[in-house]
Amino acid sequence: VTTRPCHVKRIGEKKFSIILTEGHNRQIRRMCRALGYHVTSLTRVRLM
């Protein structure tokens, strides 16, 4: 599947924020892996 366009903001050399409006299983980790990156930490800070 191709993920929906979303809001992404770089907030550090290796850190970014992302706002999703969909919820595929382990979506962010899969997106990063597809682009050659590995997630080392992931925290949800907002839900609606």
ModelCIF file with pLDDT and N, C-alpha, C, O atoms, coordinates in Angstrom:
data_MODEL
#
_entry.id   MODEL 
#
_entity.id                         1 
_entity.type                       polymer 
_entity.pdbx_number_of_molecules   1 
#
_entity_poly.entity_id                      1 
_entity_poly.type                           'polypeptide(L)' 
_entity_poly.nstd_linkage                   no 
_entity_poly.nstd_monomer                   no 
_entity_poly.pdbx_seq_one_letter_code       VTTRPCHVKRIGEKKFSIILTEGHNRQIRRMCRALGYHVTSLTRVRLM 
_entity_poly.pdbx_seq_one_letter_code_can   VTTRPCHVKRIGEKKFSIILTEGHNRQIRRMCRALGYHVTSLTRVRLM 
_entity_poly.pdbx_strand_id                 A 
#
loop_
_entity_poly_seq.entity_id 
_entity_poly_seq.num 
_entity_poly_seq.mon_id 
_entity_poly_seq.hetero 
1 1  VAL n 
1 2  THR n 
1 3  THR n 
1 4  ARG n 
1 5  PRO n 
1 6  CYS n 
1 7  HIS n 
1 8  VAL n 
1 9  LYS n 
1 10 ARG n 
1 11 ILE n 
1 12 GLY n 
1 13 GLU n 
1 14 LYS n 
1 15 LYS n 
1 16 PHE n 
1 17 SER n 
1 18 ILE n 
1 19 ILE n 
1 20 LEU n 
1 21 THR n 
1 22 GLU n 
1 23 GLY n 
1 24 HIS n 
1 25 ASN n 
1 26 ARG n 
1 27 GLN n 
1 28 ILE n 
1 29 ARG n 
1 30 ARG n 
1 31 MET n 
1 32 CYS n 
1 33 ARG n 
1 34 ALA n 
1 35 LEU n 
1 36 GLY n 
1 37 TYR n 
1 38 HIS n 
1 39 VAL n 
1 40 THR n 
1 41 SER n 
1 42 LEU n 
1 43 THR n 
1 44 ARG n 
1 45 VAL n 
1 46 ARG n 
1 47 LEU n 
1 48 MET n 
#
_struct_asym.id          A 
_struct_asym.entity_id   1 
#
loop_
_ma_qa_metric.id 
_ma_qa_metric.mode 
_ma_qa_metric.name 
_ma_qa_metric.software_group_id 
_ma_qa_metric.type 
1 global pLDDT . pLDDT 
2 local  pLDDT . pLDDT 
#
_ma_qa_metric_global.metric_id      1 
_ma_qa_metric_global.metric_value   95.40 
_ma_qa_metric_global.model_id       1 
_ma_qa_metric_global.ordinal_id     1 
#
loop_
_ma_qa_metric_local.label_asym_id 
_ma_qa_metric_local.label_comp_id 
_ma_qa_metric_local.label_seq_id 
_ma_qa_metric_local.metric_id 
_ma_qa_metric_local.metric_value 
_ma_qa_metric_local.model_id 
_ma_qa_metric_local.ordinal_id 
A VAL 1  2 92.00 1 1  
A THR 2  2 95.00 1 2  
A THR 3  2 95.00 1 3  
A ARG 4  2 94.00 1 4  
A PRO 5  2 95.00 1 5  
A CYS 6  2 96.00 1 6  
A HIS 7  2 97.00 1 7  
A VAL 8  2 98.00 1 8  
A LYS 9  2 97.00 1 9  
A ARG 10 2 98.00 1 10 
A ILE 11 2 97.00 1 11 
A GLY 12 2 97.00 1 12 
A GLU 13 2 97.00 1 13 
A LYS 14 2 98.00 1 14 
A LYS 15 2 98.00 1 15 
A PHE 16 2 98.00 1 16 
A SER 17 2 98.00 1 17 
A ILE 18 2 98.00 1 18 
A ILE 19 2 97.00 1 19 
A LEU 20 2 95.00 1 20 
A THR 21 2 92.00 1 21 
A GLU 22 2 88.00 1 22 
A GLY 23 2 81.00 1 23 
A HIS 24 2 87.00 1 24 
A ASN 25 2 86.00 1 25 
A ARG 26 2 91.00 1 26 
A GLN 27 2 94.00 1 27 
A ILE 28 2 97.00 1 28 
A ARG 29 2 96.00 1 29 
A ARG 30 2 95.00 1 30 
A MET 31 2 97.00 1 31 
A CYS 32 2 98.00 1 32 
A ARG 33 2 96.00 1 33 
A ALA 34 2 96.00 1 34 
A LEU 35 2 97.00 1 35 
A GLY 36 2 97.00 1 36 
A TYR 37 2 98.00 1 37 
A HIS 38 2 97.00 1 38 
A VAL 39 2 98.00 1 39 
A THR 40 2 98.00 1 40 
A SER 41 2 98.00 1 41 
A LEU 42 2 98.00 1 42 
A THR 43 2 98.00 1 43 
A ARG 44 2 97.00 1 44 
A VAL 45 2 97.00 1 45 
A ARG 46 2 96.00 1 46 
A LEU 47 2 94.00 1 47 
A MET 48 2 92.00 1 48 
#
loop_
_atom_site.group_PDB 
_atom_site.id 
_atom_site.type_symbol 
_atom_site.label_atom_id 
_atom_site.label_alt_id 
_atom_site.label_comp_id 
_atom_site.label_asym_id 
_atom_site.label_entity_id 
_atom_site.label_seq_id 
_atom_site.pdbx_PDB_ins_code 
_atom_site.Cartn_x 
_atom_site.Cartn_y 
_atom_site.Cartn_z 
_atom_site.occupancy 
_atom_site.B_iso_or_equiv 
_atom_site.pdbx_formal_charge 
_atom_site.auth_seq_id 
_atom_site.auth_comp_id 
_atom_site.auth_asym_id 
_atom_site.auth_atom_id 
_atom_site.pdbx_PDB_model_num 
ATOM 1   N N  . VAL A 1 1  ? 0.861  -1.179 0.000  1.00 92.00 ? 1  VAL A N  1 
ATOM 2   C CA . VAL A 1 1  ? 0.000  0.000  0.000  1.00 92.00 ? 1  VAL A CA 1 
ATOM 3   C C  . VAL A 1 1  ? 0.898  1.230  0.000  1.00 92.00 ? 1  VAL A C  1 
ATOM 4   O O  . VAL A 1 1  ? 2.051  1.174  0.430  1.00 92.00 ? 1  VAL A O  1 
ATOM 5   N N  . THR A 1 2  ? 0.361  2.330  -0.483 1.00 95.00 ? 2  THR A N  1 
ATOM 6   C CA . THR A 1 2  ? 1.065  3.609  -0.415 1.00 95.00 ? 2  THR A CA 1 
ATOM 7   C C  . THR A 1 2  ? 0.397  4.455  0.651  1.00 95.00 ? 2  THR A C  1 
ATOM 8   O O  . THR A 1 2  ? -0.812 4.684  0.608  1.00 95.00 ? 2  THR A O  1 
ATOM 9   N N  . THR A 1 3  ? 1.180  4.913  1.597  1.00 95.00 ? 3  THR A N  1 
ATOM 10  C CA . THR A 1 3  ? 0.624  5.669  2.714  1.00 95.00 ? 3  THR A CA 1 
ATOM 11  C C  . THR A 1 3  ? 0.107  7.027  2.249  1.00 95.00 ? 3  THR A C  1 
ATOM 12  O O  . THR A 1 3  ? 0.548  7.558  1.230  1.00 95.00 ? 3  THR A O  1 
ATOM 13  N N  . ARG A 1 4  ? -0.823 7.570  3.005  1.00 94.00 ? 4  ARG A N  1 
ATOM 14  C CA . ARG A 1 4  ? -1.383 8.884  2.673  1.00 94.00 ? 4  ARG A CA 1 
ATOM 15  C C  . ARG A 1 4  ? -0.348 9.990  2.895  1.00 94.00 ? 4  ARG A C  1 
ATOM 16  O O  . ARG A 1 4  ? 0.548  9.847  3.728  1.00 94.00 ? 4  ARG A O  1 
ATOM 17  N N  . PRO A 1 5  ? -0.471 11.078 2.159  1.00 95.00 ? 5  PRO A N  1 
ATOM 18  C CA . PRO A 1 5  ? 0.347  12.257 2.482  1.00 95.00 ? 5  PRO A CA 1 
ATOM 19  C C  . PRO A 1 5  ? 0.116  12.658 3.932  1.00 95.00 ? 5  PRO A C  1 
ATOM 20  O O  . PRO A 1 5  ? -1.006 12.580 4.432  1.00 95.00 ? 5  PRO A O  1 
ATOM 21  N N  . CYS A 1 6  ? 1.169  13.082 4.599  1.00 96.00 ? 6  CYS A N  1 
ATOM 22  C CA . CYS A 1 6  ? 1.059  13.415 6.016  1.00 96.00 ? 6  CYS A CA 1 
ATOM 23  C C  . CYS A 1 6  ? 1.994  14.563 6.362  1.00 96.00 ? 6  CYS A C  1 
ATOM 24  O O  . CYS A 1 6  ? 2.827  14.967 5.552  1.00 96.00 ? 6  CYS A O  1 
ATOM 25  N N  . HIS A 1 7  ? 1.846  15.083 7.576  1.00 97.00 ? 7  HIS A N  1 
ATOM 26  C CA . HIS A 1 7  ? 2.679  16.190 8.035  1.00 97.00 ? 7  HIS A CA 1 
ATOM 27  C C  . HIS A 1 7  ? 3.920  15.630 8.717  1.00 97.00 ? 7  HIS A C  1 
ATOM 28  O O  . HIS A 1 7  ? 3.816  14.848 9.663  1.00 97.00 ? 7  HIS A O  1 
ATOM 29  N N  . VAL A 1 8  ? 5.108  16.036 8.230  1.00 98.00 ? 8  VAL A N  1 
ATOM 30  C CA . VAL A 1 8  ? 6.377  15.602 8.819  1.00 98.00 ? 8  VAL A CA 1 
ATOM 31  C C  . VAL A 1 8  ? 7.250  16.822 9.045  1.00 98.00 ? 8  VAL A C  1 
ATOM 32  O O  . VAL A 1 8  ? 7.384  17.670 8.163  1.00 98.00 ? 8  VAL A O  1 
ATOM 33  N N  . LYS A 1 9  ? 7.849  16.913 10.238 1.00 97.00 ? 9  LYS A N  1 
ATOM 34  C CA . LYS A 1 9  ? 8.714  18.053 10.572 1.00 97.00 ? 9  LYS A CA 1 
ATOM 35  C C  . LYS A 1 9  ? 9.979  17.542 11.243 1.00 97.00 ? 9  LYS A C  1 
ATOM 36  O O  . LYS A 1 9  ? 9.920  16.800 12.223 1.00 97.00 ? 9  LYS A O  1 
ATOM 37  N N  . ARG A 1 10 ? 11.132 17.951 10.699 1.00 98.00 ? 10 ARG A N  1 
ATOM 38  C CA . ARG A 1 10 ? 12.399 17.578 11.314 1.00 98.00 ? 10 ARG A CA 1 
ATOM 39  C C  . ARG A 1 10 ? 12.600 18.422 12.568 1.00 98.00 ? 10 ARG A C  1 
ATOM 40  O O  . ARG A 1 10 ? 12.484 19.647 12.514 1.00 98.00 ? 10 ARG A O  1 
ATOM 41  N N  . ILE A 1 11 ? 12.901 17.778 13.698 1.00 97.00 ? 11 ILE A N  1 
ATOM 42  C CA . ILE A 1 11 ? 13.088 18.509 14.953 1.00 97.00 ? 11 ILE A CA 1 
ATOM 43  C C  . ILE A 1 11 ? 14.443 18.210 15.586 1.00 97.00 ? 11 ILE A C  1 
ATOM 44  O O  . ILE A 1 11 ? 14.709 18.621 16.716 1.00 97.00 ? 11 ILE A O  1 
ATOM 45  N N  . GLY A 1 12 ? 15.296 17.497 14.859 1.00 97.00 ? 12 GLY A N  1 
ATOM 46  C CA . GLY A 1 12 ? 16.643 17.191 15.321 1.00 97.00 ? 12 GLY A CA 1 
ATOM 47  C C  . GLY A 1 12 ? 17.400 16.491 14.218 1.00 97.00 ? 12 GLY A C  1 
ATOM 48  O O  . GLY A 1 12 ? 16.826 16.164 13.179 1.00 97.00 ? 12 GLY A O  1 
ATOM 49  N N  . GLU A 1 13 ? 18.673 16.258 14.429 1.00 97.00 ? 13 GLU A N  1 
ATOM 50  C CA . GLU A 1 13 ? 19.488 15.616 13.398 1.00 97.00 ? 13 GLU A CA 1 
ATOM 51  C C  . GLU A 1 13 ? 18.929 14.254 13.008 1.00 97.00 ? 13 GLU A C  1 
ATOM 52  O O  . GLU A 1 13 ? 18.930 13.889 11.832 1.00 97.00 ? 13 GLU A O  1 
ATOM 53  N N  . LYS A 1 14 ? 18.450 13.499 14.005 1.00 98.00 ? 14 LYS A N  1 
ATOM 54  C CA . LYS A 1 14 ? 17.907 12.170 13.756 1.00 98.00 ? 14 LYS A CA 1 
ATOM 55  C C  . LYS A 1 14 ? 16.475 12.030 14.272 1.00 98.00 ? 14 LYS A C  1 
ATOM 56  O O  . LYS A 1 14 ? 15.994 10.911 14.453 1.00 98.00 ? 14 LYS A O  1 
ATOM 57  N N  . LYS A 1 15 ? 15.799 13.131 14.507 1.00 98.00 ? 15 LYS A N  1 
ATOM 58  C CA . LYS A 1 15 ? 14.475 13.098 15.126 1.00 98.00 ? 15 LYS A CA 1 
ATOM 59  C C  . LYS A 1 15 ? 13.483 13.919 14.317 1.00 98.00 ? 15 LYS A C  1 
ATOM 60  O O  . LYS A 1 15 ? 13.818 14.986 13.803 1.00 98.00 ? 15 LYS A O  1 
ATOM 61  N N  . PHE A 1 16 ? 12.246 13.408 14.208 1.00 98.00 ? 16 PHE A N  1 
ATOM 62  C CA . PHE A 1 16 ? 11.198 14.136 13.498 1.00 98.00 ? 16 PHE A CA 1 
ATOM 63  C C  . PHE A 1 16 ? 9.845  13.874 14.151 1.00 98.00 ? 16 PHE A C  1 
ATOM 64  O O  . PHE A 1 16 ? 9.672  12.902 14.887 1.00 98.00 ? 16 PHE A O  1 
ATOM 65  N N  . SER A 1 17 ? 8.890  14.758 13.869 1.00 98.00 ? 17 SER A N  1 
ATOM 66  C CA . SER A 1 17 ? 7.500  14.539 14.287 1.00 98.00 ? 17 SER A CA 1 
ATOM 67  C C  . SER A 1 17 ? 6.686  14.193 13.055 1.00 98.00 ? 17 SER A C  1 
ATOM 68  O O  . SER A 1 17 ? 6.981  14.658 11.954 1.00 98.00 ? 17 SER A O  1 
ATOM 69  N N  . ILE A 1 18 ? 5.665  13.378 13.245 1.00 98.00 ? 18 ILE A N  1 
ATOM 70  C CA . ILE A 1 18 ? 4.809  12.963 12.128 1.00 98.00 ? 18 ILE A CA 1 
ATOM 71  C C  . ILE A 1 18 ? 3.376  12.864 12.621 1.00 98.00 ? 18 ILE A C  1 
ATOM 72  O O  . ILE A 1 18 ? 3.113  12.357 13.712 1.00 98.00 ? 18 ILE A O  1 
ATOM 73  N N  . ILE A 1 19 ? 2.447  13.359 11.796 1.00 97.00 ? 19 ILE A N  1 
ATOM 74  C CA . ILE A 1 19 ? 1.017  13.297 12.116 1.00 97.00 ? 19 ILE A CA 1 
ATOM 75  C C  . ILE A 1 19 ? 0.337  12.439 11.066 1.00 97.00 ? 19 ILE A C  1 
ATOM 76  O O  . ILE A 1 19 ? 0.324  12.786 9.884  1.00 97.00 ? 19 ILE A O  1 
ATOM 77  N N  . LEU A 1 20 ? -0.229 11.313 11.498 1.00 95.00 ? 20 LEU A N  1 
ATOM 78  C CA . LEU A 1 20 ? -0.901 10.377 10.597 1.00 95.00 ? 20 LEU A CA 1 
ATOM 79  C C  . LEU A 1 20 ? -2.416 10.498 10.726 1.00 95.00 ? 20 LEU A C  1 
ATOM 80  O O  . LEU A 1 20 ? -2.939 10.883 11.771 1.00 95.00 ? 20 LEU A O  1 
ATOM 81  N N  . THR A 1 21 ? -3.102 10.160 9.644  1.00 92.00 ? 21 THR A N  1 
ATOM 82  C CA . THR A 1 21 ? -4.565 10.045 9.675  1.00 92.00 ? 21 THR A CA 1 
ATOM 83  C C  . THR A 1 21 ? -4.982 8.650  9.219  1.00 92.00 ? 21 THR A C  1 
ATOM 84  O O  . THR A 1 21 ? -6.095 8.449  8.733  1.00 92.00 ? 21 THR A O  1 
ATOM 85  N N  . GLU A 1 22 ? -4.076 7.694  9.383  1.00 88.00 ? 22 GLU A N  1 
ATOM 86  C CA . GLU A 1 22 ? -4.370 6.295  9.102  1.00 88.00 ? 22 GLU A CA 1 
ATOM 87  C C  . GLU A 1 22 ? -3.563 5.461  10.088 1.00 88.00 ? 22 GLU A C  1 
ATOM 88  O O  . GLU A 1 22 ? -2.716 5.989  10.808 1.00 88.00 ? 22 GLU A O  1 
ATOM 89  N N  . GLY A 1 23 ? -3.825 4.171  10.119 1.00 81.00 ? 23 GLY A N  1 
ATOM 90  C CA . GLY A 1 23 ? -3.183 3.374  11.150 1.00 81.00 ? 23 GLY A CA 1 
ATOM 91  C C  . GLY A 1 23 ? -2.816 1.975  10.724 1.00 81.00 ? 23 GLY A C  1 
ATOM 92  O O  . GLY A 1 23 ? -3.259 1.007  11.341 1.00 81.00 ? 23 GLY A O  1 
ATOM 93  N N  . HIS A 1 24 ? -2.006 1.844  9.667  1.00 87.00 ? 24 HIS A N  1 
ATOM 94  C CA . HIS A 1 24 ? -1.520 0.518  9.300  1.00 87.00 ? 24 HIS A CA 1 
ATOM 95  C C  . HIS A 1 24 ? -0.603 -0.022 10.401 1.00 87.00 ? 24 HIS A C  1 
ATOM 96  O O  . HIS A 1 24 ? 0.054  0.744  11.106 1.00 87.00 ? 24 HIS A O  1 
ATOM 97  N N  . ASN A 1 25 ? -0.567 -1.332 10.536 1.00 86.00 ? 25 ASN A N  1 
ATOM 98  C CA . ASN A 1 25 ? 0.255  -1.965 11.558 1.00 86.00 ? 25 ASN A CA 1 
ATOM 99  C C  . ASN A 1 25 ? 1.720  -1.559 11.399 1.00 86.00 ? 25 ASN A C  1 
ATOM 100 O O  . ASN A 1 25 ? 2.304  -1.717 10.327 1.00 86.00 ? 25 ASN A O  1 
ATOM 101 N N  . ARG A 1 26 ? 2.311  -1.031 12.488 1.00 91.00 ? 26 ARG A N  1 
ATOM 102 C CA . ARG A 1 26 ? 3.717  -0.602 12.509 1.00 91.00 ? 26 ARG A CA 1 
ATOM 103 C C  . ARG A 1 26 ? 4.052  0.298  11.317 1.00 91.00 ? 26 ARG A C  1 
ATOM 104 O O  . ARG A 1 26 ? 5.115  0.183  10.708 1.00 91.00 ? 26 ARG A O  1 
ATOM 105 N N  . GLN A 1 27 ? 3.129  1.182  11.007 1.00 94.00 ? 27 GLN A N  1 
ATOM 106 C CA . GLN A 1 27 ? 3.234  1.979  9.777  1.00 94.00 ? 27 GLN A CA 1 
ATOM 107 C C  . GLN A 1 27 ? 4.499  2.829  9.719  1.00 94.00 ? 27 GLN A C  1 
ATOM 108 O O  . GLN A 1 27 ? 5.208  2.814  8.713  1.00 94.00 ? 27 GLN A O  1 
ATOM 109 N N  . ILE A 1 28 ? 4.786  3.565  10.781 1.00 97.00 ? 28 ILE A N  1 
ATOM 110 C CA . ILE A 1 28 ? 5.940  4.471  10.741 1.00 97.00 ? 28 ILE A CA 1 
ATOM 111 C C  . ILE A 1 28 ? 7.236  3.679  10.600 1.00 97.00 ? 28 ILE A C  1 
ATOM 112 O O  . ILE A 1 28 ? 8.128  4.081  9.853  1.00 97.00 ? 28 ILE A O  1 
ATOM 113 N N  . ARG A 1 29 ? 7.345  2.576  11.301 1.00 96.00 ? 29 ARG A N  1 
ATOM 114 C CA . ARG A 1 29 ? 8.542  1.749  11.193 1.00 96.00 ? 29 ARG A CA 1 
ATOM 115 C C  . ARG A 1 29 ? 8.707  1.199  9.773  1.00 96.00 ? 29 ARG A C  1 
ATOM 116 O O  . ARG A 1 29 ? 9.816  1.138  9.242  1.00 96.00 ? 29 ARG A O  1 
ATOM 117 N N  . ARG A 1 30 ? 7.583  0.800  9.169  1.00 95.00 ? 30 ARG A N  1 
ATOM 118 C CA . ARG A 1 30 ? 7.637  0.272  7.803  1.00 95.00 ? 30 ARG A CA 1 
ATOM 119 C C  . ARG A 1 30 ? 8.015  1.380  6.808  1.00 95.00 ? 30 ARG A C  1 
ATOM 120 O O  . ARG A 1 30 ? 8.784  1.148  5.876  1.00 95.00 ? 30 ARG A O  1 
ATOM 121 N N  . MET A 1 31 ? 7.466  2.584  7.018  1.00 97.00 ? 31 MET A N  1 
ATOM 122 C CA . MET A 1 31 ? 7.799  3.709  6.136  1.00 97.00 ? 31 MET A CA 1 
ATOM 123 C C  . MET A 1 31 ? 9.284  4.027  6.199  1.00 97.00 ? 31 MET A C  1 
ATOM 124 O O  . MET A 1 31 ? 9.931  4.214  5.168  1.00 97.00 ? 31 MET A O  1 
ATOM 125 N N  . CYS A 1 32 ? 9.822  4.088  7.406  1.00 98.00 ? 32 CYS A N  1 
ATOM 126 C CA . CYS A 1 32 ? 11.247 4.395  7.564  1.00 98.00 ? 32 CYS A CA 1 
ATOM 127 C C  . CYS A 1 32 ? 12.112 3.300  6.949  1.00 98.00 ? 32 CYS A C  1 
ATOM 128 O O  . CYS A 1 32 ? 13.098 3.583  6.268  1.00 98.00 ? 32 CYS A O  1 
ATOM 129 N N  . ARG A 1 33 ? 11.734 2.049  7.197  1.00 96.00 ? 33 ARG A N  1 
ATOM 130 C CA . ARG A 1 33 ? 12.518 0.935  6.661  1.00 96.00 ? 33 ARG A CA 1 
ATOM 131 C C  . ARG A 1 33 ? 12.545 0.963  5.137  1.00 96.00 ? 33 ARG A C  1 
ATOM 132 O O  . ARG A 1 33 ? 13.574 0.669  4.528  1.00 96.00 ? 33 ARG A O  1 
ATOM 133 N N  . ALA A 1 34 ? 11.406 1.320  4.513  1.00 96.00 ? 34 ALA A N  1 
ATOM 134 C CA . ALA A 1 34 ? 11.338 1.385  3.058  1.00 96.00 ? 34 ALA A CA 1 
ATOM 135 C C  . ALA A 1 34 ? 12.282 2.443  2.494  1.00 96.00 ? 34 ALA A C  1 
ATOM 136 O O  . ALA A 1 34 ? 12.688 2.366  1.334  1.00 96.00 ? 34 ALA A O  1 
ATOM 137 N N  . LEU A 1 35 ? 12.630 3.435  3.321  1.00 97.00 ? 35 LEU A N  1 
ATOM 138 C CA . LEU A 1 35 ? 13.518 4.513  2.872  1.00 97.00 ? 35 LEU A CA 1 
ATOM 139 C C  . LEU A 1 35 ? 14.945 4.335  3.392  1.00 97.00 ? 35 LEU A C  1 
ATOM 140 O O  . LEU A 1 35 ? 15.771 5.242  3.284  1.00 97.00 ? 35 LEU A O  1 
ATOM 141 N N  . GLY A 1 36 ? 15.227 3.147  3.962  1.00 97.00 ? 36 GLY A N  1 
ATOM 142 C CA . GLY A 1 36 ? 16.583 2.849  4.390  1.00 97.00 ? 36 GLY A CA 1 
ATOM 143 C C  . GLY A 1 36 ? 16.929 3.319  5.790  1.00 97.00 ? 36 GLY A C  1 
ATOM 144 O O  . GLY A 1 36 ? 18.106 3.441  6.126  1.00 97.00 ? 36 GLY A O  1 
ATOM 145 N N  . TYR A 1 37 ? 15.933 3.581  6.603  1.00 98.00 ? 37 TYR A N  1 
ATOM 146 C CA . TYR A 1 37 ? 16.149 4.040  7.978  1.00 98.00 ? 37 TYR A CA 1 
ATOM 147 C C  . TYR A 1 37 ? 15.605 3.016  8.957  1.00 98.00 ? 37 TYR A C  1 
ATOM 148 O O  . TYR A 1 37 ? 14.728 2.218  8.628  1.00 98.00 ? 37 TYR A O  1 
ATOM 149 N N  . HIS A 1 38 ? 16.150 3.056  10.181 1.00 97.00 ? 38 HIS A N  1 
ATOM 150 C CA . HIS A 1 38 ? 15.684 2.172  11.248 1.00 97.00 ? 38 HIS A CA 1 
ATOM 151 C C  . HIS A 1 38 ? 15.225 3.023  12.431 1.00 97.00 ? 38 HIS A C  1 
ATOM 152 O O  . HIS A 1 38 ? 15.958 3.899  12.889 1.00 97.00 ? 38 HIS A O  1 
ATOM 153 N N  . VAL A 1 39 ? 14.026 2.769  12.917 1.00 98.00 ? 39 VAL A N  1 
ATOM 154 C CA . VAL A 1 39 ? 13.493 3.517  14.055 1.00 98.00 ? 39 VAL A CA 1 
ATOM 155 C C  . VAL A 1 39 ? 14.133 3.008  15.342 1.00 98.00 ? 39 VAL A C  1 
ATOM 156 O O  . VAL A 1 39 ? 14.122 1.808  15.618 1.00 98.00 ? 39 VAL A O  1 
ATOM 157 N N  . THR A 1 40 ? 14.692 3.932  16.129 1.00 98.00 ? 40 THR A N  1 
ATOM 158 C CA . THR A 1 40 ? 15.287 3.563  17.411 1.00 98.00 ? 40 THR A CA 1 
ATOM 159 C C  . THR A 1 40 ? 14.377 3.910  18.581 1.00 98.00 ? 40 THR A C  1 
ATOM 160 O O  . THR A 1 40 ? 14.500 3.316  19.652 1.00 98.00 ? 40 THR A O  1 
ATOM 161 N N  . SER A 1 41 ? 13.472 4.857  18.397 1.00 98.00 ? 41 SER A N  1 
ATOM 162 C CA . SER A 1 41 ? 12.460 5.136  19.424 1.00 98.00 ? 41 SER A CA 1 
ATOM 163 C C  . SER A 1 41 ? 11.253 5.791  18.763 1.00 98.00 ? 41 SER A C  1 
ATOM 164 O O  . SER A 1 41 ? 11.384 6.544  17.798 1.00 98.00 ? 41 SER A O  1 
ATOM 165 N N  . LEU A 1 42 ? 10.075 5.487  19.303 1.00 98.00 ? 42 LEU A N  1 
ATOM 166 C CA . LEU A 1 42 ? 8.827  6.013  18.744 1.00 98.00 ? 42 LEU A CA 1 
ATOM 167 C C  . LEU A 1 42 ? 7.855  6.248  19.894 1.00 98.00 ? 42 LEU A C  1 
ATOM 168 O O  . LEU A 1 42 ? 7.545  5.334  20.658 1.00 98.00 ? 42 LEU A O  1 
ATOM 169 N N  . THR A 1 43 ? 7.381  7.484  20.004 1.00 98.00 ? 43 THR A N  1 
ATOM 170 C CA . THR A 1 43 ? 6.470  7.858  21.086 1.00 98.00 ? 43 THR A CA 1 
ATOM 171 C C  . THR A 1 43 ? 5.259  8.576  20.526 1.00 98.00 ? 43 THR A C  1 
ATOM 172 O O  . THR A 1 43 ? 5.400  9.541  19.775 1.00 98.00 ? 43 THR A O  1 
ATOM 173 N N  . ARG A 1 44 ? 4.064  8.112  20.886 1.00 97.00 ? 44 ARG A N  1 
ATOM 174 C CA . ARG A 1 44 ? 2.846  8.840  20.508 1.00 97.00 ? 44 ARG A CA 1 
ATOM 175 C C  . ARG A 1 44 ? 2.606  9.928  21.544 1.00 97.00 ? 44 ARG A C  1 
ATOM 176 O O  . ARG A 1 44 ? 2.551  9.661  22.744 1.00 97.00 ? 44 ARG A O  1 
ATOM 177 N N  . VAL A 1 45 ? 2.463  11.168 21.057 1.00 97.00 ? 45 VAL A N  1 
ATOM 178 C CA . VAL A 1 45 ? 2.291  12.305 21.958 1.00 97.00 ? 45 VAL A CA 1 
ATOM 179 C C  . VAL A 1 45 ? 0.896  12.908 21.882 1.00 97.00 ? 45 VAL A C  1 
ATOM 180 O O  . VAL A 1 45 ? 0.510  13.705 22.737 1.00 97.00 ? 45 VAL A O  1 
ATOM 181 N N  . ARG A 1 46 ? 0.138  12.524 20.850 1.00 96.00 ? 46 ARG A N  1 
ATOM 182 C CA . ARG A 1 46 ? -1.225 13.068 20.732 1.00 96.00 ? 46 ARG A CA 1 
ATOM 183 C C  . ARG A 1 46 ? -2.121 12.059 20.038 1.00 96.00 ? 46 ARG A C  1 
ATOM 184 O O  . ARG A 1 46 ? -1.702 11.374 19.105 1.00 96.00 ? 46 ARG A O  1 
ATOM 185 N N  . LEU A 1 47 ? -3.364 11.974 20.504 1.00 94.00 ? 47 LEU A N  1 
ATOM 186 C CA . LEU A 1 47 ? -4.410 11.176 19.876 1.00 94.00 ? 47 LEU A CA 1 
ATOM 187 C C  . LEU A 1 47 ? -5.653 12.053 19.828 1.00 94.00 ? 47 LEU A C  1 
ATOM 188 O O  . LEU A 1 47 ? -6.311 12.263 20.847 1.00 94.00 ? 47 LEU A O  1 
ATOM 189 N N  . MET A 1 48 ? -5.976 12.568 18.632 1.00 92.00 ? 48 MET A N  1 
ATOM 190 C CA . MET A 1 48 ? -7.079 13.507 18.470 1.00 92.00 ? 48 MET A CA 1 
ATOM 191 C C  . MET A 1 48 ? -6.872 14.698 19.399 1.00 92.00 ? 48 MET A C  1 
ATOM 192 O O  . MET A 1 48 ? -7.693 15.615 19.420 1.00 92.00 ? 48 MET A O  1 
#
